[in-house]
Structures are given as structure tokens and as C-alpha cells.
Amino acid sequence: MCPGWTRRYLPTQCLEICNPTKAVMPLPFKKHVIFVSEPMGEKRVKELPGIGEALGRRLTEKGFGMAVTVLSQFLVLGKDEQKFRSWLKDICGANLKQQKECYECLKEWSLNYL
């Protein structure tokens, strides 16, 4: 997160203010910023950073089609990074990058909303 971030601005706005020449974000970061900037609501699992079509389909087949169900598992595992990443790898075959992106997103979201 950029050093100027406050709750007054959405993270995307802060990025534009602190570094206007780099206002275009890479897709994984953009997905992260969008996800953590709003309540969970009815978000599908594929909206989580690190979770694309293939992993989303596998998670849905195992009963984790909504982002809130993955958040629930994250909380059941005590927000523990290693346990969550291991669970994500076991349940849908997420690689290290996908595990990290999903974990970081849920960690930040839970700090903002729980």
C-alpha cells in the first residue's frame, strides 16, 4: 500500500494521488485493490486475487463458490498463512503465487472489515 493511503481515499485513488504516472495498475494488484475496497456482499470466488477460471471452478465444485466461503475457511484456520495456503493448494491446486495473492487479499480485507 502506498504511504499516503488513508481511509479518505479508495486505494486506487491513493495510488493515483501518490504516483500519478503509474495510475494504470497490473491486473493482479487491481483485482486486489477492488476486492479489499468494498464489502464482501455476493462476490464470486473468482473475484479473489489469485483465483482465476480453473481454480474458481475447482473451488466451486468443492462447495466454495462464493468468496465468503473462502473467507470463512480463512477465519476457521485462524488467519494462519501456512495453514490457509496449504488448504488452498490441497483443495484446488493453487500455486505459490496464487496462494500468496489470495491470502494477502483476505488478510487485508479482514483487517478493514472485521
N, C-alpha and C. Protein backbone atom coordinates (compact mmCIF):
# COMPACT_ATOMS: atom_id res chain seq x y z
N MET A 1 0.85 -1.17 0.00
CA MET A 1 0.00 0.00 0.00
C MET A 1 0.90 1.24 0.00
N CYS A 2 0.49 2.26 -0.68
CA CYS A 2 1.33 3.45 -0.75
C CYS A 2 1.31 4.18 0.59
N PRO A 3 2.36 4.93 0.92
CA PRO A 3 2.47 5.56 2.23
C PRO A 3 1.40 6.61 2.52
N GLY A 4 0.79 7.16 1.50
CA GLY A 4 -0.22 8.19 1.72
C GLY A 4 -1.62 7.67 1.90
N TRP A 5 -1.79 6.34 1.93
CA TRP A 5 -3.14 5.76 1.99
C TRP A 5 -3.82 6.08 3.31
N THR A 6 -5.03 6.54 3.21
CA THR A 6 -5.88 6.74 4.39
C THR A 6 -7.26 6.27 4.02
N ARG A 7 -8.13 6.19 4.96
CA ARG A 7 -9.49 5.74 4.69
C ARG A 7 -10.28 6.78 3.88
N ARG A 8 -9.74 8.00 3.72
CA ARG A 8 -10.44 9.00 2.91
C ARG A 8 -10.48 8.62 1.45
N TYR A 9 -9.50 7.90 1.00
CA TYR A 9 -9.40 7.55 -0.41
C TYR A 9 -9.52 6.05 -0.58
N LEU A 10 -10.12 5.64 -1.68
CA LEU A 10 -10.03 4.24 -2.07
C LEU A 10 -8.57 3.99 -2.44
N PRO A 11 -8.07 2.78 -2.27
CA PRO A 11 -6.66 2.53 -2.62
C PRO A 11 -6.31 2.93 -4.04
N THR A 12 -7.25 2.80 -4.98
CA THR A 12 -6.94 3.19 -6.36
C THR A 12 -6.76 4.70 -6.45
N GLN A 13 -7.55 5.45 -5.70
CA GLN A 13 -7.40 6.90 -5.71
C GLN A 13 -6.08 7.29 -5.09
N CYS A 14 -5.69 6.62 -4.02
CA CYS A 14 -4.44 6.91 -3.35
C CYS A 14 -3.26 6.67 -4.29
N LEU A 15 -3.31 5.58 -5.03
CA LEU A 15 -2.26 5.28 -5.99
C LEU A 15 -2.13 6.40 -7.02
N GLU A 16 -3.27 6.90 -7.48
CA GLU A 16 -3.24 7.97 -8.46
C GLU A 16 -2.69 9.27 -7.86
N ILE A 17 -2.98 9.52 -6.58
CA ILE A 17 -2.51 10.73 -5.92
C ILE A 17 -1.02 10.65 -5.64
N CYS A 18 -0.57 9.50 -5.08
CA CYS A 18 0.82 9.34 -4.69
C CYS A 18 1.77 9.09 -5.86
N ASN A 19 1.24 8.52 -6.93
CA ASN A 19 2.09 8.19 -8.06
C ASN A 19 1.27 8.29 -9.35
N PRO A 20 0.93 9.51 -9.76
CA PRO A 20 0.04 9.66 -10.91
C PRO A 20 0.60 9.11 -12.21
N THR A 21 1.91 8.96 -12.34
CA THR A 21 2.46 8.43 -13.58
C THR A 21 2.25 6.92 -13.70
N LYS A 22 1.92 6.26 -12.58
CA LYS A 22 1.71 4.81 -12.60
C LYS A 22 0.29 4.47 -12.18
N ALA A 23 -0.67 5.27 -12.62
CA ALA A 23 -2.07 5.06 -12.25
C ALA A 23 -2.65 3.79 -12.87
N VAL A 24 -2.07 3.27 -13.93
CA VAL A 24 -2.53 2.03 -14.52
C VAL A 24 -1.87 0.89 -13.75
N MET A 25 -2.68 0.08 -13.10
CA MET A 25 -2.17 -0.98 -12.23
C MET A 25 -2.13 -2.31 -12.97
N PRO A 26 -1.17 -3.17 -12.61
CA PRO A 26 -1.21 -4.52 -13.16
C PRO A 26 -2.47 -5.23 -12.67
N LEU A 27 -2.99 -6.13 -13.48
CA LEU A 27 -4.26 -6.79 -13.18
C LEU A 27 -4.33 -7.44 -11.80
N PRO A 28 -3.32 -8.23 -11.36
CA PRO A 28 -3.46 -8.84 -10.03
C PRO A 28 -3.62 -7.80 -8.93
N PHE A 29 -2.85 -6.72 -9.00
CA PHE A 29 -2.96 -5.67 -7.98
C PHE A 29 -4.30 -4.96 -8.08
N LYS A 30 -4.76 -4.73 -9.28
CA LYS A 30 -6.05 -4.07 -9.49
C LYS A 30 -7.17 -4.93 -8.90
N LYS A 31 -7.11 -6.22 -9.13
CA LYS A 31 -8.11 -7.14 -8.58
C LYS A 31 -8.09 -7.08 -7.06
N HIS A 32 -6.90 -7.02 -6.48
CA HIS A 32 -6.73 -6.92 -5.03
C HIS A 32 -7.35 -5.63 -4.50
N VAL A 33 -7.00 -4.51 -5.11
CA VAL A 33 -7.50 -3.21 -4.68
C VAL A 33 -9.02 -3.15 -4.74
N ILE A 34 -9.58 -3.63 -5.81
CA ILE A 34 -11.04 -3.62 -5.96
C ILE A 34 -11.68 -4.49 -4.88
N PHE A 35 -11.13 -5.67 -4.65
CA PHE A 35 -11.72 -6.60 -3.69
C PHE A 35 -11.70 -6.03 -2.27
N VAL A 36 -10.58 -5.48 -1.84
CA VAL A 36 -10.47 -5.01 -0.45
C VAL A 36 -11.13 -3.66 -0.23
N SER A 37 -11.54 -2.99 -1.29
CA SER A 37 -12.12 -1.66 -1.12
C SER A 37 -13.63 -1.67 -0.93
N GLU A 38 -14.24 -2.84 -0.92
CA GLU A 38 -15.69 -2.90 -0.74
C GLU A 38 -16.08 -4.12 0.09
N PRO A 39 -17.27 -4.08 0.70
CA PRO A 39 -17.74 -5.21 1.50
C PRO A 39 -17.84 -6.49 0.67
N MET A 40 -17.87 -7.61 1.36
CA MET A 40 -17.88 -8.93 0.71
C MET A 40 -19.11 -9.12 -0.17
N GLY A 41 -20.28 -8.85 0.37
CA GLY A 41 -21.50 -9.00 -0.42
C GLY A 41 -21.62 -10.38 -1.04
N GLU A 42 -22.01 -10.42 -2.29
CA GLU A 42 -22.24 -11.68 -3.02
C GLU A 42 -21.12 -11.97 -4.02
N LYS A 43 -19.90 -11.64 -3.66
CA LYS A 43 -18.78 -11.84 -4.59
C LYS A 43 -18.54 -13.32 -4.85
N ARG A 44 -18.30 -13.63 -6.10
CA ARG A 44 -17.96 -14.99 -6.51
C ARG A 44 -16.50 -15.26 -6.15
N VAL A 45 -16.16 -16.51 -6.00
CA VAL A 45 -14.81 -16.89 -5.62
C VAL A 45 -13.77 -16.42 -6.65
N LYS A 46 -14.18 -16.35 -7.93
CA LYS A 46 -13.24 -15.92 -8.98
C LYS A 46 -12.84 -14.45 -8.86
N GLU A 47 -13.53 -13.70 -8.01
CA GLU A 47 -13.17 -12.30 -7.80
C GLU A 47 -12.00 -12.15 -6.84
N LEU A 48 -11.65 -13.23 -6.14
CA LEU A 48 -10.49 -13.19 -5.25
C LEU A 48 -9.20 -13.16 -6.06
N PRO A 49 -8.25 -12.31 -5.70
CA PRO A 49 -6.95 -12.33 -6.37
C PRO A 49 -6.32 -13.71 -6.25
N GLY A 50 -5.71 -14.15 -7.31
CA GLY A 50 -5.07 -15.46 -7.34
C GLY A 50 -6.00 -16.57 -7.78
N ILE A 51 -7.29 -16.28 -7.84
CA ILE A 51 -8.27 -17.30 -8.23
C ILE A 51 -8.84 -16.94 -9.59
N GLY A 52 -8.49 -17.72 -10.57
CA GLY A 52 -8.99 -17.49 -11.94
C GLY A 52 -10.08 -18.50 -12.27
N GLU A 53 -10.28 -18.70 -13.56
CA GLU A 53 -11.35 -19.60 -14.03
C GLU A 53 -11.16 -21.03 -13.54
N ALA A 54 -9.98 -21.60 -13.74
CA ALA A 54 -9.75 -23.01 -13.40
C ALA A 54 -9.85 -23.24 -11.89
N LEU A 55 -9.16 -22.43 -11.10
CA LEU A 55 -9.22 -22.61 -9.65
C LEU A 55 -10.62 -22.30 -9.13
N GLY A 56 -11.26 -21.30 -9.71
CA GLY A 56 -12.62 -20.96 -9.32
C GLY A 56 -13.58 -22.12 -9.56
N ARG A 57 -13.41 -22.79 -10.68
CA ARG A 57 -14.26 -23.95 -10.99
C ARG A 57 -14.02 -25.08 -9.98
N ARG A 58 -12.74 -25.33 -9.68
CA ARG A 58 -12.43 -26.40 -8.71
C ARG A 58 -12.99 -26.08 -7.33
N LEU A 59 -12.84 -24.83 -6.91
CA LEU A 59 -13.36 -24.43 -5.60
C LEU A 59 -14.88 -24.54 -5.57
N THR A 60 -15.53 -24.11 -6.65
CA THR A 60 -16.99 -24.18 -6.73
C THR A 60 -17.46 -25.63 -6.65
N GLU A 61 -16.77 -26.52 -7.34
CA GLU A 61 -17.12 -27.95 -7.30
C GLU A 61 -17.00 -28.54 -5.90
N LYS A 62 -16.14 -27.93 -5.07
CA LYS A 62 -15.94 -28.42 -3.70
C LYS A 62 -16.76 -27.64 -2.68
N GLY A 63 -17.68 -26.79 -3.17
CA GLY A 63 -18.58 -26.06 -2.27
C GLY A 63 -18.10 -24.69 -1.84
N PHE A 64 -17.08 -24.17 -2.50
CA PHE A 64 -16.54 -22.86 -2.16
C PHE A 64 -16.71 -21.89 -3.33
N GLY A 65 -17.93 -21.74 -3.83
CA GLY A 65 -18.19 -20.91 -4.99
C GLY A 65 -18.30 -19.43 -4.71
N MET A 66 -18.50 -19.09 -3.45
CA MET A 66 -18.60 -17.68 -3.06
C MET A 66 -17.36 -17.29 -2.27
N ALA A 67 -16.94 -16.05 -2.44
CA ALA A 67 -15.75 -15.57 -1.73
C ALA A 67 -15.93 -15.66 -0.22
N VAL A 68 -17.14 -15.47 0.25
CA VAL A 68 -17.38 -15.52 1.70
C VAL A 68 -17.10 -16.91 2.27
N THR A 69 -17.28 -17.95 1.47
CA THR A 69 -16.98 -19.30 1.98
C THR A 69 -15.47 -19.51 2.11
N VAL A 70 -14.71 -18.91 1.22
CA VAL A 70 -13.24 -18.97 1.34
C VAL A 70 -12.79 -18.12 2.52
N LEU A 71 -13.43 -16.97 2.71
CA LEU A 71 -13.14 -16.13 3.88
C LEU A 71 -13.43 -16.92 5.16
N SER A 72 -14.53 -17.64 5.19
CA SER A 72 -14.88 -18.45 6.36
C SER A 72 -13.79 -19.46 6.67
N GLN A 73 -13.28 -20.12 5.64
CA GLN A 73 -12.20 -21.10 5.84
C GLN A 73 -10.95 -20.40 6.35
N PHE A 74 -10.65 -19.22 5.81
CA PHE A 74 -9.52 -18.41 6.26
C PHE A 74 -9.64 -18.12 7.76
N LEU A 75 -10.84 -17.79 8.21
CA LEU A 75 -11.08 -17.50 9.62
C LEU A 75 -11.03 -18.77 10.48
N VAL A 76 -11.59 -19.86 9.97
CA VAL A 76 -11.55 -21.14 10.68
C VAL A 76 -10.11 -21.58 10.92
N LEU A 77 -9.25 -21.29 9.96
CA LEU A 77 -7.83 -21.63 10.08
C LEU A 77 -7.05 -20.60 10.88
N GLY A 78 -7.76 -19.69 11.53
CA GLY A 78 -7.13 -18.72 12.42
C GLY A 78 -6.31 -17.66 11.72
N LYS A 79 -6.61 -17.39 10.46
CA LYS A 79 -5.87 -16.42 9.64
C LYS A 79 -4.40 -16.80 9.51
N ASP A 80 -4.09 -18.06 9.77
CA ASP A 80 -2.71 -18.55 9.70
C ASP A 80 -2.30 -18.72 8.24
N GLU A 81 -1.24 -18.05 7.86
CA GLU A 81 -0.82 -18.06 6.46
C GLU A 81 -0.47 -19.45 5.95
N GLN A 82 0.34 -20.19 6.68
CA GLN A 82 0.75 -21.51 6.20
C GLN A 82 -0.42 -22.48 6.11
N LYS A 83 -1.29 -22.47 7.11
CA LYS A 83 -2.46 -23.36 7.08
C LYS A 83 -3.38 -23.01 5.91
N PHE A 84 -3.63 -21.71 5.71
CA PHE A 84 -4.52 -21.31 4.63
C PHE A 84 -3.93 -21.65 3.27
N ARG A 85 -2.65 -21.35 3.09
CA ARG A 85 -2.01 -21.63 1.80
C ARG A 85 -1.97 -23.12 1.52
N SER A 86 -1.73 -23.91 2.53
CA SER A 86 -1.73 -25.36 2.37
C SER A 86 -3.13 -25.86 2.01
N TRP A 87 -4.15 -25.33 2.67
CA TRP A 87 -5.53 -25.70 2.36
C TRP A 87 -5.86 -25.35 0.91
N LEU A 88 -5.49 -24.14 0.47
CA LEU A 88 -5.79 -23.70 -0.88
C LEU A 88 -5.08 -24.60 -1.92
N LYS A 89 -3.85 -24.98 -1.62
CA LYS A 89 -3.13 -25.88 -2.52
C LYS A 89 -3.82 -27.25 -2.58
N ASP A 90 -4.20 -27.76 -1.42
CA ASP A 90 -4.82 -29.09 -1.36
C ASP A 90 -6.20 -29.13 -2.02
N ILE A 91 -7.00 -28.09 -1.83
CA ILE A 91 -8.37 -28.13 -2.32
C ILE A 91 -8.50 -27.82 -3.81
N CYS A 92 -7.61 -26.96 -4.33
CA CYS A 92 -7.78 -26.60 -5.75
C CYS A 92 -6.49 -26.57 -6.55
N GLY A 93 -5.36 -26.89 -5.93
CA GLY A 93 -4.10 -26.94 -6.66
C GLY A 93 -3.46 -25.58 -6.93
N ALA A 94 -3.77 -24.59 -6.08
CA ALA A 94 -3.19 -23.25 -6.26
C ALA A 94 -1.68 -23.29 -6.12
N ASN A 95 -0.99 -22.56 -7.01
CA ASN A 95 0.48 -22.49 -6.91
C ASN A 95 0.86 -21.44 -5.86
N LEU A 96 2.16 -21.28 -5.62
CA LEU A 96 2.63 -20.37 -4.57
C LEU A 96 2.17 -18.93 -4.79
N LYS A 97 2.24 -18.45 -6.03
CA LYS A 97 1.82 -17.08 -6.33
C LYS A 97 0.33 -16.90 -6.08
N GLN A 98 -0.47 -17.84 -6.52
CA GLN A 98 -1.92 -17.77 -6.33
C GLN A 98 -2.27 -17.83 -4.85
N GLN A 99 -1.60 -18.69 -4.11
CA GLN A 99 -1.82 -18.80 -2.67
C GLN A 99 -1.53 -17.47 -1.98
N LYS A 100 -0.39 -16.88 -2.33
CA LYS A 100 0.03 -15.62 -1.70
C LYS A 100 -0.95 -14.50 -2.01
N GLU A 101 -1.36 -14.37 -3.27
CA GLU A 101 -2.29 -13.31 -3.65
C GLU A 101 -3.62 -13.44 -2.91
N CYS A 102 -4.14 -14.64 -2.82
CA CYS A 102 -5.41 -14.87 -2.15
C CYS A 102 -5.28 -14.60 -0.65
N TYR A 103 -4.22 -15.12 -0.03
CA TYR A 103 -4.01 -14.91 1.40
C TYR A 103 -3.88 -13.42 1.73
N GLU A 104 -3.04 -12.71 0.98
CA GLU A 104 -2.81 -11.29 1.25
C GLU A 104 -4.11 -10.49 1.13
N CYS A 105 -4.91 -10.83 0.15
CA CYS A 105 -6.18 -10.15 -0.05
C CYS A 105 -7.13 -10.37 1.14
N LEU A 106 -7.29 -11.61 1.53
CA LEU A 106 -8.20 -11.91 2.65
C LEU A 106 -7.68 -11.32 3.96
N LYS A 107 -6.38 -11.32 4.12
CA LYS A 107 -5.78 -10.71 5.32
C LYS A 107 -6.11 -9.22 5.38
N GLU A 108 -5.89 -8.51 4.27
CA GLU A 108 -6.18 -7.08 4.25
C GLU A 108 -7.67 -6.81 4.37
N TRP A 109 -8.49 -7.61 3.68
CA TRP A 109 -9.93 -7.42 3.76
C TRP A 109 -10.41 -7.58 5.20
N SER A 110 -9.90 -8.61 5.90
CA SER A 110 -10.35 -8.85 7.27
C SER A 110 -9.89 -7.73 8.21
N LEU A 111 -8.73 -7.15 7.95
CA LEU A 111 -8.29 -6.01 8.76
C LEU A 111 -9.20 -4.80 8.56
N ASN A 112 -9.69 -4.62 7.34
CA ASN A 112 -10.56 -3.48 7.03
C ASN A 112 -11.98 -3.65 7.52
N TYR A 113 -12.49 -4.88 7.53
CA TYR A 113 -13.92 -5.08 7.76
C TYR A 113 -14.29 -5.90 8.99
N LEU A 114 -13.35 -6.57 9.63
CA LEU A 114 -13.70 -7.38 10.80
C LEU A 114 -13.20 -6.75 12.08
